[in-house]
Amino acid sequence: MSRIDRIAVFLSLLAVLAGYFVATRIFEQMAHLEDEMAYVWQAQAIAKGHLTLPSPPYPKSFLTPFVVDYNGQRFGKYPPGWPAMLALGVIFNARALVNPLLAGLCVWLTYRLGKRLFSPVVGLLAAVFTLTSPFFLINSGSLLSHPFGLFLCLVFVLGWLDSWYPEDSGSTLPSWRGWLPLAASAIALGLLILTRPLTAMGVSFPIIFHGSYIFIRGDRKTRWRLSIFCLVVLTLAGLLFVWQAAVTGDPLLNPYTLWWEYDKVGFGEGFGRAEGGHSLRQARINTKFSLKVGYSDLFGWFRASWIFLPFGMLALLFKRHWKALMVAFIFPSLVLMYVFYWIGSNLYGPRYYFEGLPSLTILSAAGIAWLAGWQLQCGDDRKPNNTWSRLRLFTTLSVVAFLVSANVFFYLPQRLTSMCGLYGVNRERLKPFLTEQVQQLTPALVIVYPDKWTEYGALLELQDPFLDSPVIFVMNRGEKENAAVARAFPERKAYLYFPKQPYKLVEFEP
């Protein structure tokens, strides 16, 4: 292992620590978005071997965002890939560690991809930009699926490159082991489809063109390998329909539409909430807004996060580095794919494009290397040998150091602080129910009268899908339904709870 490899390992370990810091100190190891709450519910159910559970009595009183009640069964609307991964954290009581661990792997794999395509220095720069990216850190501390999607994307791309260009990586594997990168790539893409199907389409789109070229120009053995790759991917992708059949009874029924019938990909009437449906105009607005947020959140260089991308693209075109160009197109491919979805993303950065992050970090690193005078060739960095070369190197690295420092000391702390207590969800809301006085009242059913639904949603942290926790929480839906719910749980004492009076429970007689 070279010195630069060891530095990359160190950066990867820092990413784990940084992700865990965000998960613990910023997000307090709690779900804040509706998506996260649904993922946690699904993970808890899967951890005990269930995809669905019987719907509780009066299901609307037991609201969990994006968890659907259909034909007497309750299940999350999201594909099973990420909830199954998160379930491992639930089983080992380390839920908040799953995404930080994945973040560390993503930093390492980003380094490996940059090194694979260019040079160790480019890979290391890409790893640094990933580690210090506010966009990356915010999502790495969350309970969202994007870090897992990024990990699968990186495994897919690295496996693909090692399958068709083993000589570039110095591989001397025997022929039977040469199948390992291809198998890893296919499995990663299949799992990405089971995690984020639309993202998988965007990530694989540039690779499909390359695969088609190989298939047309290749020999019989090459076509056979590609066929096996496609078979593995399609087999895993087929499990998405098996899952839909298991939870809805219909393999073609998308659970997204059971929560919002308009939650579909496409244009026109019935797609999205806008009058007349999703349109190209709305798609342009969503895309522009998402990218505008990304200008700053990408590297935290305020509005200059994209400054080195044009130079990286110019370097690729001048050098005709087609393999790197294929990877660079993953990000714009994701942007194009999400044009077809009716809503944008901005709160956690443009997170629908998160899996395209290596395109931006590696391309930016390549642009810096080109400006600094390094050769864009794996393992061969040019040494500055005259005054102009040394000045060029010094100027470029000084600008980079200034931008990274501005992010670390100014932008990043402010951006992370802005996420604290998001939507009013924090551990303070749980404390009234962890006191010894309340524990003596359990098992209890608490009817919550929230001013905002997140005052109720935050309390779901203390409740599991099986409704067997010491306290279970019910959303107020009127005196008549509240009384009916309380009667459905005669073994539990019923109380009324008003979040504005957090340490006061009012006994309720149904």
Protein backbone atom coordinates (compact mmCIF):
# COMPACT_ATOMS: atom_id res chain seq x y z
CA MET A 1 0.00 0.00 0.00
CA SER A 2 1.46 3.34 -1.07
CA ARG A 3 1.62 6.49 1.04
CA ILE A 4 -1.26 8.02 -0.90
CA ASP A 5 -3.30 4.85 -0.36
CA ARG A 6 -2.75 5.16 3.38
CA ILE A 7 -3.86 8.79 3.30
CA ALA A 8 -7.01 7.69 1.46
CA VAL A 9 -7.71 5.09 4.16
CA PHE A 10 -7.29 7.81 6.79
CA LEU A 11 -9.76 10.04 4.91
CA SER A 12 -12.22 7.16 4.77
CA LEU A 13 -12.02 6.70 8.54
CA LEU A 14 -12.52 10.44 8.96
CA ALA A 15 -15.65 10.15 6.81
CA VAL A 16 -17.07 7.54 9.19
CA LEU A 17 -16.41 9.83 12.16
CA ALA A 18 -17.77 12.88 10.37
CA GLY A 19 -20.92 11.05 9.29
CA TYR A 20 -21.48 9.77 12.81
CA PHE A 21 -20.93 13.28 14.20
CA VAL A 22 -23.67 14.61 11.89
CA ALA A 23 -25.97 11.70 12.75
CA THR A 24 -25.46 12.21 16.49
CA ARG A 25 -24.92 15.93 17.04
CA ILE A 26 -26.94 17.40 14.16
CA PHE A 27 -29.76 14.90 13.63
CA GLU A 28 -29.64 13.38 17.14
CA GLN A 29 -30.01 9.88 15.64
CA MET A 30 -33.64 10.65 14.76
CA ALA A 31 -35.75 10.60 11.63
CA HIS A 32 -36.74 14.11 10.55
CA LEU A 33 -38.19 13.68 7.05
CA GLU A 34 -41.28 11.63 6.26
CA ASP A 35 -39.07 9.43 4.07
CA GLU A 36 -36.79 8.63 7.01
CA MET A 37 -39.73 7.76 9.26
CA ALA A 38 -41.02 5.33 6.66
CA TYR A 39 -37.57 3.78 6.19
CA VAL A 40 -37.25 3.27 9.95
CA TRP A 41 -40.68 1.64 10.13
CA GLN A 42 -39.79 -0.72 7.27
CA ALA A 43 -36.39 -1.52 8.76
CA GLN A 44 -37.90 -2.36 12.13
CA ALA A 45 -40.44 -4.65 10.49
CA ILE A 46 -37.84 -6.37 8.28
CA ALA A 47 -35.52 -6.82 11.27
CA LYS A 48 -38.16 -9.16 12.70
CA GLY A 49 -38.87 -10.89 9.41
CA HIS A 50 -41.89 -8.98 8.13
CA LEU A 51 -42.56 -7.07 4.92
CA THR A 52 -46.12 -6.27 5.99
CA LEU A 53 -48.05 -6.20 9.24
CA PRO A 54 -51.79 -6.31 9.92
CA SER A 55 -53.22 -2.82 9.88
CA PRO A 56 -53.94 -1.49 13.37
CA PRO A 57 -57.50 -0.63 14.35
CA TYR A 58 -58.40 2.83 13.05
CA PRO A 59 -55.22 3.05 10.94
CA LYS A 60 -55.45 6.79 10.29
CA SER A 61 -55.00 7.39 14.00
CA PHE A 62 -51.68 5.53 13.86
CA LEU A 63 -50.18 7.72 11.17
CA THR A 64 -46.69 6.90 9.96
CA PRO A 65 -45.76 8.95 6.88
CA PHE A 66 -45.53 6.96 3.65
CA VAL A 67 -46.59 3.74 5.40
CA VAL A 68 -49.64 2.44 3.56
CA ASP A 69 -52.68 0.50 4.74
CA TYR A 70 -54.06 -1.66 1.94
CA ASN A 71 -56.28 -4.75 2.02
CA GLY A 72 -55.88 -5.02 5.78
CA GLN A 73 -52.08 -4.89 5.66
CA ARG A 74 -49.65 -2.11 6.55
CA PHE A 75 -46.34 -1.64 4.69
CA GLY A 76 -43.92 1.06 3.57
CA LYS A 77 -44.14 2.43 0.06
CA TYR A 78 -40.38 2.35 -0.54
CA PRO A 79 -38.53 -0.47 -2.35
CA PRO A 80 -36.92 -2.99 0.02
CA GLY A 81 -33.21 -2.43 -0.71
CA TRP A 82 -32.42 0.33 1.76
CA PRO A 83 -34.87 -0.77 4.50
CA ALA A 84 -33.24 -4.23 4.42
CA MET A 85 -29.80 -2.63 4.79
CA LEU A 86 -31.01 -0.36 7.58
CA ALA A 87 -32.56 -3.39 9.28
CA LEU A 88 -29.02 -4.67 9.92
CA GLY A 89 -28.41 -1.56 11.98
CA VAL A 90 -31.67 -2.14 13.84
CA ILE A 91 -30.71 -5.75 14.61
CA PHE A 92 -27.32 -4.73 16.03
CA ASN A 93 -28.73 -1.63 17.74
CA ALA A 94 -26.48 0.54 15.57
CA ARG A 95 -28.96 2.21 13.22
CA ALA A 96 -27.14 5.55 13.28
CA LEU A 97 -23.88 3.90 12.19
CA VAL A 98 -25.10 2.39 8.92
CA ASN A 99 -24.86 5.50 6.76
CA PRO A 100 -21.58 6.76 8.33
CA LEU A 101 -19.97 3.38 7.63
CA LEU A 102 -21.24 3.53 4.06
CA ALA A 103 -19.87 7.09 3.83
CA GLY A 104 -16.40 5.82 4.72
CA LEU A 105 -16.61 3.14 2.04
CA CYS A 106 -17.81 5.72 -0.49
CA VAL A 107 -14.81 7.97 0.17
CA TRP A 108 -12.45 5.01 -0.31
CA LEU A 109 -14.19 3.84 -3.49
CA THR A 110 -14.22 7.39 -4.86
CA TYR A 111 -10.45 7.47 -4.35
CA ARG A 112 -10.15 4.10 -6.07
CA LEU A 113 -12.25 5.28 -9.02
CA GLY A 114 -10.29 8.53 -9.41
CA LYS A 115 -7.03 6.59 -9.21
CA ARG A 116 -8.38 4.00 -11.66
CA LEU A 117 -9.38 6.61 -14.23
CA PHE A 118 -6.53 9.09 -13.74
CA SER A 119 -3.89 9.04 -11.03
CA PRO A 120 -3.53 8.57 -7.27
CA VAL A 121 -3.39 12.35 -6.79
CA VAL A 122 -6.66 12.88 -8.69
CA GLY A 123 -8.25 10.10 -6.64
CA LEU A 124 -7.01 11.67 -3.41
CA LEU A 125 -8.32 15.11 -4.37
CA ALA A 126 -11.70 13.57 -5.21
CA ALA A 127 -11.72 11.84 -1.80
CA VAL A 128 -10.95 15.14 -0.03
CA PHE A 129 -13.73 16.94 -1.91
CA THR A 130 -16.15 14.15 -1.04
CA LEU A 131 -15.21 14.17 2.64
CA THR A 132 -15.58 17.95 2.97
CA SER A 133 -18.73 18.24 0.85
CA PRO A 134 -21.69 19.59 2.89
CA PHE A 135 -23.95 17.73 0.46
CA PHE A 136 -22.18 14.45 1.23
CA LEU A 137 -21.99 14.95 5.01
CA ILE A 138 -25.62 15.99 5.47
CA ASN A 139 -26.87 12.89 3.68
CA SER A 140 -24.28 10.64 5.34
CA GLY A 141 -25.65 11.55 8.76
CA SER A 142 -29.27 11.04 7.74
CA LEU A 143 -31.39 7.91 7.58
CA LEU A 144 -32.01 8.35 3.85
CA SER A 145 -31.12 5.79 1.18
CA HIS A 146 -28.67 7.92 -0.81
CA PRO A 147 -25.35 6.84 0.79
CA PHE A 148 -26.27 3.21 0.11
CA GLY A 149 -27.17 4.17 -3.44
CA LEU A 150 -23.81 5.93 -3.86
CA PHE A 151 -21.95 2.90 -2.52
CA LEU A 152 -23.75 0.61 -4.99
CA CYS A 153 -23.10 3.06 -7.84
CA LEU A 154 -19.36 3.07 -7.11
CA VAL A 155 -19.18 -0.73 -6.88
CA PHE A 156 -21.12 -1.00 -10.14
CA VAL A 157 -18.84 1.38 -12.04
CA LEU A 158 -15.56 0.06 -10.62
CA GLY A 159 -16.63 -3.52 -11.30
CA TRP A 160 -17.62 -2.61 -14.83
CA LEU A 161 -14.27 -0.97 -15.57
CA ASP A 162 -12.33 -3.86 -14.06
CA SER A 163 -14.38 -6.31 -16.12
CA TRP A 164 -13.64 -4.76 -19.51
CA TYR A 165 -10.32 -2.98 -18.89
CA PRO A 166 -8.44 -5.21 -16.42
CA GLU A 167 -5.12 -4.30 -17.99
CA ASP A 168 -5.57 -0.65 -16.91
CA SER A 169 -5.62 -1.67 -13.26
CA GLY A 170 -2.70 -4.06 -13.59
CA SER A 171 -4.95 -7.04 -12.88
CA THR A 172 -3.35 -10.46 -13.19
CA LEU A 173 -6.36 -12.47 -12.02
CA PRO A 174 -6.80 -15.98 -13.46
CA SER A 175 -9.64 -16.29 -15.95
CA TRP A 176 -12.16 -17.78 -13.50
CA ARG A 177 -11.58 -14.96 -11.04
CA GLY A 178 -11.93 -12.44 -13.83
CA TRP A 179 -15.66 -12.98 -13.45
CA LEU A 180 -15.63 -11.50 -9.93
CA PRO A 181 -15.65 -7.81 -10.97
CA LEU A 182 -18.43 -8.52 -13.47
CA ALA A 183 -20.48 -10.33 -10.82
CA ALA A 184 -19.92 -7.53 -8.29
CA SER A 185 -20.94 -4.93 -10.86
CA ALA A 186 -24.11 -6.79 -11.84
CA ILE A 187 -25.14 -7.43 -8.23
CA ALA A 188 -24.53 -3.80 -7.29
CA LEU A 189 -26.68 -2.54 -10.17
CA GLY A 190 -29.42 -5.05 -9.33
CA LEU A 191 -29.43 -3.94 -5.70
CA LEU A 192 -29.51 -0.30 -6.80
CA ILE A 193 -32.66 -1.07 -8.77
CA LEU A 194 -34.12 -2.61 -5.59
CA THR A 195 -33.18 0.55 -3.69
CA ARG A 196 -33.73 3.51 -6.02
CA PRO A 197 -35.08 2.32 -9.41
CA LEU A 198 -35.12 5.70 -11.16
CA THR A 199 -31.63 6.48 -9.89
CA ALA A 200 -30.44 3.10 -11.19
CA MET A 201 -31.71 4.04 -14.64
CA GLY A 202 -29.81 7.33 -14.53
CA VAL A 203 -26.59 5.77 -13.27
CA SER A 204 -26.63 2.95 -15.82
CA PHE A 205 -27.64 5.06 -18.82
CA PRO A 206 -24.09 6.04 -19.92
CA ILE A 207 -22.87 2.50 -19.22
CA ILE A 208 -25.59 1.06 -21.45
CA PHE A 209 -24.10 2.85 -24.44
CA HIS A 210 -20.69 1.44 -23.63
CA GLY A 211 -22.14 -2.04 -23.15
CA SER A 212 -23.95 -1.82 -26.49
CA TYR A 213 -20.70 -0.84 -28.21
CA ILE A 214 -18.88 -3.79 -26.60
CA PHE A 215 -21.67 -6.18 -27.57
CA ILE A 216 -21.66 -5.07 -31.22
CA ARG A 217 -17.87 -5.04 -31.57
CA GLY A 218 -17.08 -7.97 -29.29
CA ASP A 219 -16.52 -11.64 -29.97
CA ARG A 220 -18.68 -14.55 -28.85
CA LYS A 221 -17.06 -14.74 -25.42
CA THR A 222 -17.64 -11.02 -24.82
CA ARG A 223 -21.30 -11.30 -25.78
CA TRP A 224 -21.69 -14.29 -23.50
CA ARG A 225 -20.26 -12.33 -20.55
CA LEU A 226 -22.53 -9.39 -21.26
CA SER A 227 -25.53 -11.72 -21.44
CA ILE A 228 -24.67 -13.19 -18.04
CA PHE A 229 -24.31 -9.66 -16.65
CA CYS A 230 -27.74 -8.68 -17.95
CA LEU A 231 -29.29 -11.90 -16.65
CA VAL A 232 -28.03 -11.25 -13.11
CA VAL A 233 -29.23 -7.63 -13.20
CA LEU A 234 -32.66 -8.57 -14.56
CA THR A 235 -33.06 -11.36 -12.02
CA LEU A 236 -32.42 -9.00 -9.14
CA ALA A 237 -34.57 -6.29 -10.74
CA GLY A 238 -37.36 -8.84 -11.02
CA LEU A 239 -37.43 -9.08 -7.24
CA LEU A 240 -38.92 -5.58 -7.25
CA PHE A 241 -42.06 -7.02 -8.82
CA VAL A 242 -41.96 -9.97 -6.41
CA TRP A 243 -41.87 -7.47 -3.54
CA GLN A 244 -44.79 -5.50 -5.00
CA ALA A 245 -46.78 -8.71 -5.32
CA ALA A 246 -45.92 -9.64 -1.72
CA VAL A 247 -47.11 -6.34 -0.23
CA THR A 248 -49.96 -5.36 -2.56
CA GLY A 249 -51.00 -8.65 -4.16
CA ASP A 250 -50.30 -7.19 -7.61
CA PRO A 251 -46.77 -7.29 -9.08
CA LEU A 252 -47.51 -4.23 -11.22
CA LEU A 253 -49.02 -2.07 -8.48
CA ASN A 254 -46.52 0.56 -7.33
CA PRO A 255 -47.04 1.23 -3.58
CA TYR A 256 -46.13 4.88 -4.16
CA THR A 257 -49.53 5.35 -5.80
CA LEU A 258 -51.34 3.95 -2.77
CA TRP A 259 -50.23 6.95 -0.73
CA TRP A 260 -50.57 9.54 -3.49
CA GLU A 261 -52.17 8.27 -6.67
CA TYR A 262 -50.34 10.96 -8.65
CA ASP A 263 -46.89 9.90 -7.36
CA LYS A 264 -45.68 8.52 -10.68
CA VAL A 265 -42.89 9.17 -13.16
CA GLY A 266 -43.96 10.87 -16.35
CA PHE A 267 -45.71 13.86 -17.86
CA GLY A 268 -49.32 14.87 -18.25
CA GLU A 269 -52.57 14.42 -16.38
CA GLY A 270 -52.30 12.20 -13.31
CA PHE A 271 -48.56 12.76 -12.85
CA GLY A 272 -47.85 15.13 -9.96
CA ARG A 273 -50.03 17.59 -8.08
CA ALA A 274 -50.02 20.49 -10.54
CA GLU A 275 -53.16 21.24 -12.49
CA GLY A 276 -52.89 19.39 -15.77
CA GLY A 277 -50.13 17.18 -14.39
CA HIS A 278 -46.36 17.31 -14.64
CA SER A 279 -45.04 19.43 -17.51
CA LEU A 280 -41.76 20.37 -19.14
CA ARG A 281 -42.10 23.84 -17.64
CA GLN A 282 -42.41 22.41 -14.14
CA ALA A 283 -39.53 20.04 -14.82
CA ARG A 284 -37.34 22.98 -15.83
CA ILE A 285 -38.28 24.88 -12.65
CA ASN A 286 -37.56 21.84 -10.43
CA THR A 287 -34.23 21.13 -12.11
CA LYS A 288 -33.08 24.75 -12.00
CA PHE A 289 -33.99 25.04 -8.32
CA SER A 290 -32.28 21.76 -7.37
CA LEU A 291 -29.09 22.69 -9.22
CA LYS A 292 -29.11 26.18 -7.71
CA VAL A 293 -29.00 24.64 -4.23
CA GLY A 294 -26.19 22.38 -5.40
CA TYR A 295 -24.05 25.34 -6.48
CA SER A 296 -23.18 25.90 -2.83
CA ASP A 297 -23.82 22.56 -1.15
CA LEU A 298 -21.60 20.56 -3.49
CA PHE A 299 -18.25 21.63 -2.02
CA GLY A 300 -19.31 24.50 0.21
CA TRP A 301 -17.45 27.00 -1.94
CA PHE A 302 -20.48 29.25 -1.83
CA ARG A 303 -21.42 29.89 -5.49
CA ALA A 304 -18.10 28.58 -6.82
CA SER A 305 -18.52 24.84 -6.23
CA TRP A 306 -18.66 24.21 -9.98
CA ILE A 307 -15.60 26.28 -10.86
CA PHE A 308 -13.25 23.42 -11.84
CA LEU A 309 -15.80 21.27 -13.70
CA PRO A 310 -15.34 22.98 -17.11
CA PHE A 311 -11.57 22.49 -16.88
CA GLY A 312 -12.05 18.83 -16.03
CA MET A 313 -14.33 18.38 -19.03
CA LEU A 314 -11.88 20.19 -21.32
CA ALA A 315 -9.10 17.95 -20.07
CA LEU A 316 -11.14 14.83 -20.86
CA LEU A 317 -11.98 16.03 -24.35
CA PHE A 318 -8.42 17.09 -25.15
CA LYS A 319 -7.04 13.80 -23.88
CA ARG A 320 -9.91 11.77 -25.41
CA HIS A 321 -10.27 9.96 -22.12
CA TRP A 322 -13.47 8.13 -23.08
CA LYS A 323 -13.69 5.83 -20.04
CA ALA A 324 -13.59 8.83 -17.72
CA LEU A 325 -16.10 10.64 -19.94
CA MET A 326 -18.48 7.72 -19.44
CA VAL A 327 -18.28 8.20 -15.66
CA ALA A 328 -18.54 11.99 -15.98
CA PHE A 329 -21.88 11.62 -17.77
CA ILE A 330 -23.50 9.83 -14.82
CA PHE A 331 -24.40 13.11 -13.11
CA PRO A 332 -26.07 14.77 -16.11
CA SER A 333 -27.79 11.47 -16.81
CA LEU A 334 -29.35 11.57 -13.32
CA VAL A 335 -30.41 15.17 -13.84
CA LEU A 336 -32.07 14.15 -17.10
CA MET A 337 -33.79 11.14 -15.53
CA TYR A 338 -35.31 13.16 -12.70
CA VAL A 339 -36.77 15.62 -15.17
CA PHE A 340 -39.53 12.99 -15.46
CA TYR A 341 -40.35 13.15 -11.74
CA TRP A 342 -42.81 15.78 -10.60
CA ILE A 343 -40.96 17.12 -7.56
CA GLY A 344 -37.44 18.47 -6.98
CA SER A 345 -35.10 18.19 -4.00
CA ASN A 346 -33.31 20.91 -2.07
CA LEU A 347 -33.48 20.60 1.73
CA TYR A 348 -30.67 18.03 1.96
CA GLY A 349 -29.09 19.44 -1.15
CA PRO A 350 -30.18 18.14 -4.59
CA ARG A 351 -30.31 14.63 -3.14
CA TYR A 352 -31.96 13.01 -6.15
CA TYR A 353 -28.60 13.54 -7.87
CA PHE A 354 -26.53 12.31 -4.91
CA GLU A 355 -25.39 9.10 -6.59
CA GLY A 356 -23.79 11.22 -9.33
CA LEU A 357 -21.42 12.83 -6.82
CA PRO A 358 -18.31 10.94 -8.07
CA SER A 359 -18.81 12.49 -11.50
CA LEU A 360 -18.41 15.93 -9.96
CA THR A 361 -15.65 15.22 -7.46
CA ILE A 362 -13.47 13.30 -9.92
CA LEU A 363 -14.10 15.73 -12.77
CA SER A 364 -13.26 18.68 -10.49
CA ALA A 365 -10.11 16.90 -9.30
CA ALA A 366 -9.12 16.21 -12.91
CA GLY A 367 -9.63 19.89 -13.75
CA ILE A 368 -7.38 20.90 -10.87
CA ALA A 369 -4.73 18.39 -11.94
CA TRP A 370 -4.85 19.73 -15.48
CA LEU A 371 -4.55 23.34 -14.31
CA ALA A 372 -1.72 22.41 -11.94
CA GLY A 373 0.21 20.78 -14.76
CA TRP A 374 -0.11 17.15 -13.71
CA GLN A 375 -0.53 14.54 -16.42
CA LEU A 376 -3.94 12.91 -16.54
CA GLN A 377 -2.51 9.43 -16.60
CA CYS A 378 -2.80 6.83 -13.90
CA GLY A 379 0.30 6.69 -11.74
CA ASP A 380 2.29 9.24 -13.74
CA ASP A 381 2.23 12.78 -12.33
CA ARG A 382 4.46 15.37 -13.96
CA LYS A 383 6.90 17.17 -11.71
CA PRO A 384 7.14 20.97 -12.09
CA ASN A 385 10.51 21.56 -13.77
CA ASN A 386 10.59 25.31 -14.40
CA THR A 387 9.45 28.56 -12.84
CA TRP A 388 6.21 28.71 -14.85
CA SER A 389 5.28 25.15 -13.91
CA ARG A 390 5.98 25.77 -10.24
CA LEU A 391 3.98 29.01 -10.32
CA ARG A 392 1.12 27.24 -12.06
CA LEU A 393 1.12 24.49 -9.43
CA PHE A 394 1.41 26.92 -6.51
CA THR A 395 -1.40 29.17 -7.79
CA THR A 396 -3.80 26.30 -8.44
CA LEU A 397 -3.22 24.62 -5.09
CA SER A 398 -3.45 27.95 -3.26
CA VAL A 399 -6.87 28.60 -4.76
CA VAL A 400 -7.99 25.06 -3.85
CA ALA A 401 -6.68 25.38 -0.29
CA PHE A 402 -8.48 28.73 0.11
CA LEU A 403 -11.78 27.30 -1.14
CA VAL A 404 -11.60 24.17 1.01
CA SER A 405 -10.71 26.27 4.07
CA ALA A 406 -13.61 28.65 3.40
CA ASN A 407 -15.94 25.67 3.38
CA VAL A 408 -14.52 23.96 6.48
CA PHE A 409 -14.39 27.09 8.62
CA PHE A 410 -17.39 29.07 7.34
CA TYR A 411 -19.91 27.41 5.03
CA LEU A 412 -19.96 23.88 6.47
CA PRO A 413 -20.55 24.83 10.13
CA GLN A 414 -23.37 27.18 9.14
CA ARG A 415 -24.97 24.63 6.84
CA LEU A 416 -24.87 21.86 9.42
CA THR A 417 -26.17 24.14 12.16
CA SER A 418 -29.13 25.03 9.95
CA MET A 419 -30.19 21.38 10.00
CA CYS A 420 -30.32 21.11 13.81
CA GLY A 421 -33.83 20.50 15.10
CA LEU A 422 -35.21 20.34 11.56
CA TYR A 423 -39.03 20.70 11.60
CA GLY A 424 -38.86 20.89 15.39
CA VAL A 425 -37.86 17.22 15.69
CA ASN A 426 -35.37 16.70 18.50
CA ARG A 427 -34.65 14.57 21.56
CA GLU A 428 -36.24 17.14 23.85
CA ARG A 429 -39.64 16.02 22.62
CA LEU A 430 -38.97 12.49 23.84
CA LYS A 431 -37.86 13.34 27.37
CA PRO A 432 -41.35 13.68 28.89
CA PHE A 433 -41.99 10.02 28.10
CA LEU A 434 -38.69 8.77 29.47
CA THR A 435 -39.28 10.02 33.00
CA GLU A 436 -39.80 7.54 35.80
CA GLN A 437 -43.29 8.95 36.47
CA VAL A 438 -44.48 8.17 32.94
CA GLN A 439 -42.81 4.77 32.87
CA GLN A 440 -44.87 3.84 35.92
CA LEU A 441 -48.02 4.54 33.90
CA THR A 442 -47.13 2.06 31.17
CA PRO A 443 -48.38 0.28 29.18
CA ALA A 444 -50.02 3.45 27.94
CA LEU A 445 -51.79 4.82 24.89
CA VAL A 446 -51.19 8.54 24.39
CA ILE A 447 -53.46 10.62 22.17
CA VAL A 448 -51.41 13.52 20.81
CA TYR A 449 -52.93 16.91 19.99
CA PRO A 450 -50.21 18.47 17.80
CA ASP A 451 -50.20 21.94 16.28
CA LYS A 452 -47.84 20.56 13.63
CA TRP A 453 -47.77 16.92 12.60
CA THR A 454 -44.03 16.69 13.33
CA GLU A 455 -44.81 17.15 17.03
CA TYR A 456 -46.47 13.77 16.71
CA GLY A 457 -43.98 12.38 14.18
CA ALA A 458 -41.03 12.96 16.51
CA LEU A 459 -42.65 10.66 19.11
CA LEU A 460 -42.64 7.74 16.65
CA GLU A 461 -38.99 7.30 17.70
CA LEU A 462 -40.36 5.65 20.87
CA GLN A 463 -42.79 3.36 19.02
CA ASP A 464 -42.24 0.32 16.84
CA PRO A 465 -44.41 -1.08 14.03
CA PHE A 466 -45.71 -3.89 16.27
CA LEU A 467 -47.28 -1.46 18.75
CA ASP A 468 -45.81 -3.35 21.69
CA SER A 469 -43.62 -0.53 23.06
CA PRO A 470 -44.36 0.77 26.59
CA VAL A 471 -46.07 3.83 25.10
CA ILE A 472 -47.90 3.95 21.79
CA PHE A 473 -48.99 7.22 20.21
CA VAL A 474 -52.22 8.12 18.46
CA MET A 475 -52.86 11.20 16.34
CA ASN A 476 -55.93 13.12 17.51
CA ARG A 477 -58.79 12.56 15.09
CA GLY A 478 -61.73 13.76 17.13
CA GLU A 479 -63.27 12.65 20.39
CA LYS A 480 -65.34 9.84 18.91
CA GLU A 481 -62.47 8.12 17.08
CA ASN A 482 -60.06 8.75 19.94
CA ALA A 483 -62.44 6.94 22.30
CA ALA A 484 -62.83 4.05 19.85
CA VAL A 485 -59.04 3.65 19.56
CA ALA A 486 -58.65 3.69 23.35
CA ARG A 487 -61.30 0.97 23.69
CA ALA A 488 -59.43 -1.14 21.12
CA PHE A 489 -56.50 -1.32 23.57
CA PRO A 490 -58.17 -2.10 26.90
CA GLU A 491 -54.88 -3.31 28.41
CA ARG A 492 -53.41 0.20 28.10
CA LYS A 493 -54.22 3.29 30.10
CA ALA A 494 -55.23 6.17 27.83
CA TYR A 495 -53.98 9.74 28.18
CA LEU A 496 -54.24 13.02 26.32
CA TYR A 497 -51.05 14.88 25.50
CA PHE A 498 -50.60 18.48 24.38
CA PRO A 499 -47.03 19.21 23.16
CA LYS A 500 -47.23 22.77 24.47
CA GLN A 501 -47.53 21.25 27.97
CA PRO A 502 -44.87 18.57 27.53
CA TYR A 503 -44.77 17.15 31.05
CA LYS A 504 -48.51 16.90 31.57
CA LEU A 505 -50.62 13.87 30.73
CA VAL A 506 -54.41 14.03 31.14
CA GLU A 507 -56.10 10.76 31.90
CA PHE A 508 -58.72 9.86 29.28
CA GLU A 509 -61.82 7.80 29.90
CA PRO A 510 -63.26 6.49 26.60
